[in-house]
């Protein structure tokens, strides 16, 4: 299974970006998709989750109301729409999938995901 994240870049505070994650497997083969982010020297942090079986979503408190995760099953592609970006959103963003269902307490844990894509850099700055 391969995942390819794209869509990162440089944006000013208050701006928007939309990240994409293309997956080389059918959505029938996995239950969970999540976006994580990491800055140098810090642990990888869960940002958002979506269930491919029922569309349930979870968000980290720091992005709730600003970020939206979505899926296009026909394209095996997932998205993270990021609005009202802040400098503290600057990080490398990674998408990940897993074949096991998740619950709220585990959906944003990096230890719960077996397949990862390469990251895409998001920089929020003037």
N, C-alpha and C. Protein backbone atom coordinates (compact mmCIF):
# COMPACT_ATOMS: atom_id res chain seq x y z
N UNK A 1 0.85 -1.19 0.00
CA UNK A 1 0.00 0.00 0.00
C UNK A 1 0.89 1.25 0.00
N UNK A 2 0.54 2.18 -0.87
CA UNK A 2 1.29 3.44 -0.94
C UNK A 2 0.35 4.62 -0.74
N UNK A 3 0.84 5.61 -0.03
CA UNK A 3 0.10 6.83 0.19
C UNK A 3 0.95 7.99 -0.29
N UNK A 4 0.32 8.92 -0.96
CA UNK A 4 1.03 10.09 -1.47
C UNK A 4 0.30 11.34 -1.04
N UNK A 5 0.92 12.10 -0.16
CA UNK A 5 0.35 13.36 0.30
C UNK A 5 0.87 14.50 -0.56
N UNK A 6 0.02 15.48 -0.79
CA UNK A 6 0.41 16.64 -1.59
C UNK A 6 -0.45 17.83 -1.18
N UNK A 7 -0.07 19.00 -1.69
CA UNK A 7 -0.87 20.18 -1.45
C UNK A 7 -0.30 21.17 -0.46
N UNK A 8 0.81 20.83 0.16
CA UNK A 8 1.41 21.75 1.11
C UNK A 8 2.01 22.97 0.41
N UNK A 9 2.42 23.92 1.23
CA UNK A 9 3.02 25.13 0.67
C UNK A 9 3.12 26.22 1.70
N UNK A 10 3.40 27.41 1.21
CA UNK A 10 3.52 28.59 2.06
C UNK A 10 2.24 29.41 1.95
N UNK A 11 1.67 29.76 3.08
CA UNK A 11 0.44 30.55 3.09
C UNK A 11 0.50 31.56 4.23
N UNK A 12 -0.14 32.68 4.05
CA UNK A 12 -0.15 33.70 5.10
C UNK A 12 -1.16 33.33 6.18
N UNK A 13 -0.95 33.82 7.39
CA UNK A 13 -1.93 33.59 8.44
C UNK A 13 -3.32 34.02 8.00
N UNK A 14 -4.31 33.19 8.34
CA UNK A 14 -5.68 33.45 7.91
C UNK A 14 -6.03 32.82 6.58
N UNK A 15 -5.03 32.32 5.89
CA UNK A 15 -5.27 31.71 4.58
C UNK A 15 -5.70 30.27 4.67
N UNK A 16 -5.81 29.64 3.49
CA UNK A 16 -6.31 28.26 3.40
C UNK A 16 -5.40 27.41 2.52
N UNK A 17 -5.40 26.13 2.81
CA UNK A 17 -4.74 25.13 1.97
C UNK A 17 -5.58 23.88 1.99
N UNK A 18 -5.48 23.09 0.92
CA UNK A 18 -6.16 21.81 0.89
C UNK A 18 -5.15 20.73 0.58
N UNK A 19 -4.95 19.83 1.51
CA UNK A 19 -4.05 18.70 1.33
C UNK A 19 -4.79 17.51 0.75
N UNK A 20 -4.08 16.74 -0.05
CA UNK A 20 -4.66 15.52 -0.63
C UNK A 20 -3.81 14.32 -0.25
N UNK A 21 -4.44 13.18 -0.15
CA UNK A 21 -3.73 11.93 0.13
C UNK A 21 -4.29 10.87 -0.81
N UNK A 22 -3.50 10.47 -1.78
CA UNK A 22 -3.90 9.43 -2.73
C UNK A 22 -3.43 8.08 -2.21
N UNK A 23 -4.34 7.13 -2.18
CA UNK A 23 -4.05 5.81 -1.62
C UNK A 23 -4.13 4.77 -2.72
N UNK A 24 -3.14 3.87 -2.76
CA UNK A 24 -3.09 2.86 -3.81
C UNK A 24 -3.85 1.60 -3.46
N UNK A 25 -4.91 1.74 -2.68
CA UNK A 25 -5.73 0.60 -2.29
C UNK A 25 -7.18 1.04 -2.23
N UNK A 26 -8.08 0.08 -2.36
CA UNK A 26 -9.51 0.38 -2.29
C UNK A 26 -9.90 0.72 -0.85
N UNK A 27 -10.88 1.61 -0.73
CA UNK A 27 -11.36 1.94 0.61
C UNK A 27 -11.99 0.76 1.31
N UNK A 28 -12.29 -0.29 0.55
CA UNK A 28 -12.83 -1.50 1.15
C UNK A 28 -11.77 -2.25 1.96
N UNK A 29 -10.50 -1.90 1.75
CA UNK A 29 -9.39 -2.61 2.38
C UNK A 29 -8.91 -1.98 3.68
N UNK A 30 -9.49 -0.84 4.06
CA UNK A 30 -9.06 -0.23 5.31
C UNK A 30 -10.21 0.56 5.90
N UNK A 31 -10.15 0.78 7.20
CA UNK A 31 -11.23 1.43 7.93
C UNK A 31 -10.92 2.87 8.31
N UNK A 32 -9.65 3.16 8.53
CA UNK A 32 -9.32 4.43 9.17
C UNK A 32 -8.33 5.22 8.34
N UNK A 33 -8.59 6.51 8.23
CA UNK A 33 -7.66 7.44 7.60
C UNK A 33 -7.46 8.61 8.54
N UNK A 34 -6.24 9.03 8.67
CA UNK A 34 -5.98 10.16 9.56
C UNK A 34 -4.88 11.04 9.00
N UNK A 35 -4.92 12.28 9.42
CA UNK A 35 -3.85 13.23 9.15
C UNK A 35 -3.13 13.52 10.45
N UNK A 36 -1.80 13.56 10.36
CA UNK A 36 -0.95 13.90 11.49
C UNK A 36 -0.05 15.04 11.07
N UNK A 37 0.57 15.66 12.04
CA UNK A 37 1.56 16.68 11.73
C UNK A 37 2.70 16.62 12.74
N UNK A 38 3.84 17.09 12.30
CA UNK A 38 5.02 17.03 13.16
C UNK A 38 5.94 18.21 12.87
N UNK A 39 6.43 18.79 13.96
CA UNK A 39 7.46 19.82 13.85
C UNK A 39 8.75 19.25 14.43
N UNK A 40 9.89 19.74 13.99
CA UNK A 40 11.17 19.19 14.48
C UNK A 40 11.27 19.21 16.00
N UNK A 41 11.69 18.08 16.55
CA UNK A 41 11.88 18.01 17.99
C UNK A 41 10.65 17.68 18.79
N UNK A 42 9.53 17.52 18.09
CA UNK A 42 8.29 17.22 18.81
C UNK A 42 7.66 15.95 18.25
N UNK A 43 6.79 15.35 19.04
CA UNK A 43 6.13 14.12 18.62
C UNK A 43 5.11 14.40 17.52
N UNK A 44 4.87 13.37 16.72
CA UNK A 44 3.86 13.46 15.68
C UNK A 44 2.48 13.52 16.34
N UNK A 45 1.70 14.50 15.91
CA UNK A 45 0.42 14.79 16.56
C UNK A 45 -0.74 14.47 15.62
N UNK A 46 -1.75 13.80 16.15
CA UNK A 46 -2.93 13.53 15.36
C UNK A 46 -3.76 14.78 15.15
N UNK A 47 -4.22 15.01 13.93
CA UNK A 47 -4.96 16.21 13.58
C UNK A 47 -6.42 15.88 13.30
N UNK A 48 -6.64 14.87 12.47
CA UNK A 48 -8.01 14.57 12.06
C UNK A 48 -8.11 13.12 11.61
N UNK A 49 -9.30 12.56 11.79
CA UNK A 49 -9.59 11.16 11.45
C UNK A 49 -10.91 11.06 10.73
N UNK A 50 -11.00 10.08 9.80
CA UNK A 50 -12.27 9.77 9.20
C UNK A 50 -12.38 8.26 9.03
N UNK A 51 -13.56 7.74 9.31
CA UNK A 51 -13.83 6.32 9.12
C UNK A 51 -14.34 6.11 7.70
N UNK A 52 -13.75 5.15 6.99
CA UNK A 52 -14.20 4.87 5.62
C UNK A 52 -15.51 4.07 5.62
N UNK A 53 -15.88 3.50 6.77
CA UNK A 53 -17.09 2.69 6.80
C UNK A 53 -18.35 3.52 7.03
N UNK A 54 -18.24 4.56 7.89
CA UNK A 54 -19.46 5.33 8.17
C UNK A 54 -19.25 6.84 8.16
N UNK A 55 -18.05 7.28 7.83
CA UNK A 55 -17.81 8.71 7.71
C UNK A 55 -17.61 9.46 9.02
N UNK A 56 -17.54 8.74 10.13
CA UNK A 56 -17.31 9.40 11.41
C UNK A 56 -15.99 10.16 11.38
N UNK A 57 -15.99 11.37 11.93
CA UNK A 57 -14.79 12.19 11.96
C UNK A 57 -14.46 12.62 13.38
N UNK A 58 -13.17 12.78 13.63
CA UNK A 58 -12.69 13.35 14.88
C UNK A 58 -11.62 14.39 14.54
N UNK A 59 -11.50 15.38 15.40
CA UNK A 59 -10.50 16.42 15.21
C UNK A 59 -9.79 16.72 16.52
N UNK A 60 -8.52 17.09 16.39
CA UNK A 60 -7.82 17.61 17.54
C UNK A 60 -8.45 18.95 17.93
N UNK A 61 -8.44 19.25 19.21
CA UNK A 61 -9.06 20.50 19.67
C UNK A 61 -8.43 21.72 19.01
N UNK A 62 -7.16 21.63 18.70
CA UNK A 62 -6.44 22.78 18.16
C UNK A 62 -6.88 23.15 16.74
N UNK A 63 -7.56 22.22 16.05
CA UNK A 63 -7.96 22.50 14.66
C UNK A 63 -9.47 22.45 14.48
N UNK A 64 -10.18 22.10 15.52
CA UNK A 64 -11.63 21.95 15.41
C UNK A 64 -12.27 23.26 14.96
N UNK A 65 -13.15 23.17 13.98
CA UNK A 65 -13.81 24.34 13.45
C UNK A 65 -13.05 25.03 12.33
N UNK A 66 -11.78 24.65 12.13
CA UNK A 66 -10.97 25.25 11.07
C UNK A 66 -10.59 24.25 9.98
N UNK A 67 -10.40 23.00 10.37
CA UNK A 67 -9.99 21.96 9.43
C UNK A 67 -11.17 21.02 9.17
N UNK A 68 -11.22 20.50 7.95
CA UNK A 68 -12.26 19.53 7.59
C UNK A 68 -11.64 18.38 6.81
N UNK A 69 -11.87 17.16 7.27
CA UNK A 69 -11.38 15.97 6.57
C UNK A 69 -12.52 15.43 5.72
N UNK A 70 -12.18 14.94 4.54
CA UNK A 70 -13.20 14.39 3.65
C UNK A 70 -12.60 13.29 2.80
N UNK A 71 -13.47 12.57 2.09
CA UNK A 71 -13.00 11.45 1.28
C UNK A 71 -13.71 11.44 -0.07
N UNK A 72 -13.00 10.95 -1.07
CA UNK A 72 -13.58 10.68 -2.37
C UNK A 72 -13.28 9.22 -2.67
N UNK A 73 -14.20 8.36 -2.33
CA UNK A 73 -13.96 6.93 -2.45
C UNK A 73 -13.69 6.50 -3.89
N UNK A 74 -14.33 7.16 -4.83
CA UNK A 74 -14.15 6.80 -6.23
C UNK A 74 -12.71 7.01 -6.68
N UNK A 75 -12.05 7.98 -6.07
CA UNK A 75 -10.66 8.29 -6.43
C UNK A 75 -9.66 7.73 -5.42
N UNK A 76 -10.15 7.06 -4.38
CA UNK A 76 -9.26 6.58 -3.30
C UNK A 76 -8.38 7.72 -2.80
N UNK A 77 -8.99 8.85 -2.61
CA UNK A 77 -8.25 10.05 -2.20
C UNK A 77 -8.96 10.70 -1.02
N UNK A 78 -8.14 11.20 -0.09
CA UNK A 78 -8.65 11.88 1.08
C UNK A 78 -8.08 13.29 1.13
N UNK A 79 -8.82 14.16 1.80
CA UNK A 79 -8.45 15.57 1.79
C UNK A 79 -8.46 16.14 3.20
N UNK A 80 -7.70 17.18 3.37
CA UNK A 80 -7.75 17.96 4.60
C UNK A 80 -7.83 19.42 4.19
N UNK A 81 -9.02 19.99 4.32
CA UNK A 81 -9.21 21.41 4.04
C UNK A 81 -8.84 22.18 5.29
N UNK A 82 -7.88 23.08 5.15
CA UNK A 82 -7.39 23.84 6.30
C UNK A 82 -7.69 25.31 6.07
N UNK A 83 -8.52 25.88 6.91
CA UNK A 83 -8.89 27.29 6.82
C UNK A 83 -8.40 28.03 8.06
N UNK A 84 -8.40 29.34 7.96
CA UNK A 84 -7.98 30.20 9.08
C UNK A 84 -6.65 29.72 9.67
N UNK A 85 -5.71 29.48 8.80
CA UNK A 85 -4.43 28.93 9.25
C UNK A 85 -3.68 29.89 10.15
N UNK A 86 -2.97 29.31 11.10
CA UNK A 86 -2.20 30.07 12.07
C UNK A 86 -0.73 29.66 11.97
N UNK A 87 0.17 30.51 12.41
CA UNK A 87 1.60 30.12 12.38
C UNK A 87 1.88 28.81 13.12
N UNK A 88 1.13 28.54 14.16
CA UNK A 88 1.35 27.30 14.91
C UNK A 88 0.87 26.05 14.17
N UNK A 89 0.24 26.22 13.02
CA UNK A 89 -0.12 25.08 12.17
C UNK A 89 1.04 24.65 11.29
N UNK A 90 2.11 25.42 11.31
CA UNK A 90 3.29 25.07 10.51
C UNK A 90 3.86 23.73 10.96
N UNK A 91 4.01 22.82 10.00
CA UNK A 91 4.48 21.47 10.31
C UNK A 91 4.58 20.68 9.02
N UNK A 92 5.15 19.49 9.12
CA UNK A 92 5.05 18.52 8.04
C UNK A 92 3.80 17.70 8.31
N UNK A 93 2.93 17.60 7.32
CA UNK A 93 1.68 16.88 7.47
C UNK A 93 1.78 15.52 6.78
N UNK A 94 1.30 14.51 7.49
CA UNK A 94 1.33 13.13 7.00
C UNK A 94 -0.07 12.54 6.98
N UNK A 95 -0.34 11.71 5.98
CA UNK A 95 -1.57 10.94 6.01
C UNK A 95 -1.23 9.49 6.34
N UNK A 96 -2.17 8.81 6.95
CA UNK A 96 -1.96 7.43 7.37
C UNK A 96 -3.27 6.66 7.27
N UNK A 97 -3.15 5.35 7.03
CA UNK A 97 -4.35 4.51 7.00
C UNK A 97 -4.10 3.25 7.83
N UNK A 98 -5.20 2.62 8.21
CA UNK A 98 -5.09 1.38 8.97
C UNK A 98 -6.32 0.51 8.72
N UNK A 99 -6.12 -0.80 8.79
CA UNK A 99 -7.20 -1.74 8.51
C UNK A 99 -8.08 -2.05 9.70
N UNK A 100 -7.82 -1.48 10.85
CA UNK A 100 -8.59 -1.75 12.05
C UNK A 100 -9.51 -0.58 12.38
N UNK A 101 -10.73 -0.86 12.78
CA UNK A 101 -11.62 0.23 13.20
C UNK A 101 -11.04 0.97 14.39
N UNK A 102 -11.45 2.24 14.54
CA UNK A 102 -10.96 3.07 15.64
C UNK A 102 -12.12 3.60 16.46
N UNK A 103 -11.78 3.94 17.68
CA UNK A 103 -12.72 4.65 18.54
C UNK A 103 -12.11 6.01 18.84
N UNK A 104 -12.89 6.86 19.45
CA UNK A 104 -12.44 8.23 19.68
C UNK A 104 -11.10 8.29 20.41
N UNK A 105 -10.92 7.40 21.38
CA UNK A 105 -9.72 7.47 22.21
C UNK A 105 -8.45 7.05 21.48
N UNK A 106 -8.58 6.35 20.35
CA UNK A 106 -7.40 5.84 19.64
C UNK A 106 -7.25 6.40 18.22
N UNK A 107 -8.26 7.07 17.73
CA UNK A 107 -8.29 7.46 16.32
C UNK A 107 -7.15 8.40 15.95
N UNK A 108 -6.66 9.19 16.89
CA UNK A 108 -5.60 10.16 16.59
C UNK A 108 -4.26 9.76 17.21
N UNK A 109 -4.12 8.49 17.52
CA UNK A 109 -2.86 8.00 18.05
C UNK A 109 -1.97 7.48 16.92
N UNK A 110 -0.74 7.96 16.86
CA UNK A 110 0.14 7.54 15.77
C UNK A 110 0.48 6.05 15.86
N UNK A 111 0.32 5.47 17.01
CA UNK A 111 0.65 4.05 17.19
C UNK A 111 -0.41 3.13 16.58
N UNK A 112 -1.52 3.69 16.18
CA UNK A 112 -2.64 2.90 15.66
C UNK A 112 -2.60 2.72 14.15
N UNK A 113 -1.61 3.27 13.48
CA UNK A 113 -1.60 3.27 12.01
C UNK A 113 -0.38 2.55 11.47
N UNK A 114 -0.61 1.68 10.51
CA UNK A 114 0.46 0.86 9.94
C UNK A 114 1.05 1.43 8.66
N UNK A 115 0.28 2.23 7.94
CA UNK A 115 0.73 2.71 6.64
C UNK A 115 0.76 4.23 6.63
N UNK A 116 1.89 4.74 6.17
CA UNK A 116 2.12 6.18 6.19
C UNK A 116 2.61 6.66 4.84
N UNK A 117 2.22 7.88 4.51
CA UNK A 117 2.77 8.50 3.34
C UNK A 117 3.92 9.43 3.72
N UNK A 118 4.63 9.87 2.72
CA UNK A 118 5.63 10.91 2.96
C UNK A 118 4.91 12.21 3.26
N UNK A 119 5.52 13.02 4.03
CA UNK A 119 4.87 14.24 4.45
C UNK A 119 4.89 15.33 3.40
N UNK A 120 4.06 16.33 3.65
CA UNK A 120 4.04 17.54 2.84
C UNK A 120 4.15 18.73 3.77
N UNK A 121 5.03 19.64 3.43
CA UNK A 121 5.33 20.77 4.33
C UNK A 121 4.26 21.85 4.21
N UNK A 122 3.77 22.29 5.34
CA UNK A 122 2.86 23.43 5.41
C UNK A 122 3.54 24.50 6.25
N UNK A 123 3.69 25.69 5.68
CA UNK A 123 4.30 26.81 6.39
C UNK A 123 3.33 27.97 6.38
N UNK A 124 3.01 28.46 7.57
CA UNK A 124 2.10 29.59 7.72
C UNK A 124 2.91 30.76 8.23
N UNK A 125 3.11 31.75 7.37
CA UNK A 125 3.99 32.85 7.73
C UNK A 125 3.76 34.00 6.78
N UNK A 126 4.11 35.22 7.25
CA UNK A 126 4.04 36.39 6.36
C UNK A 126 5.25 36.42 5.46
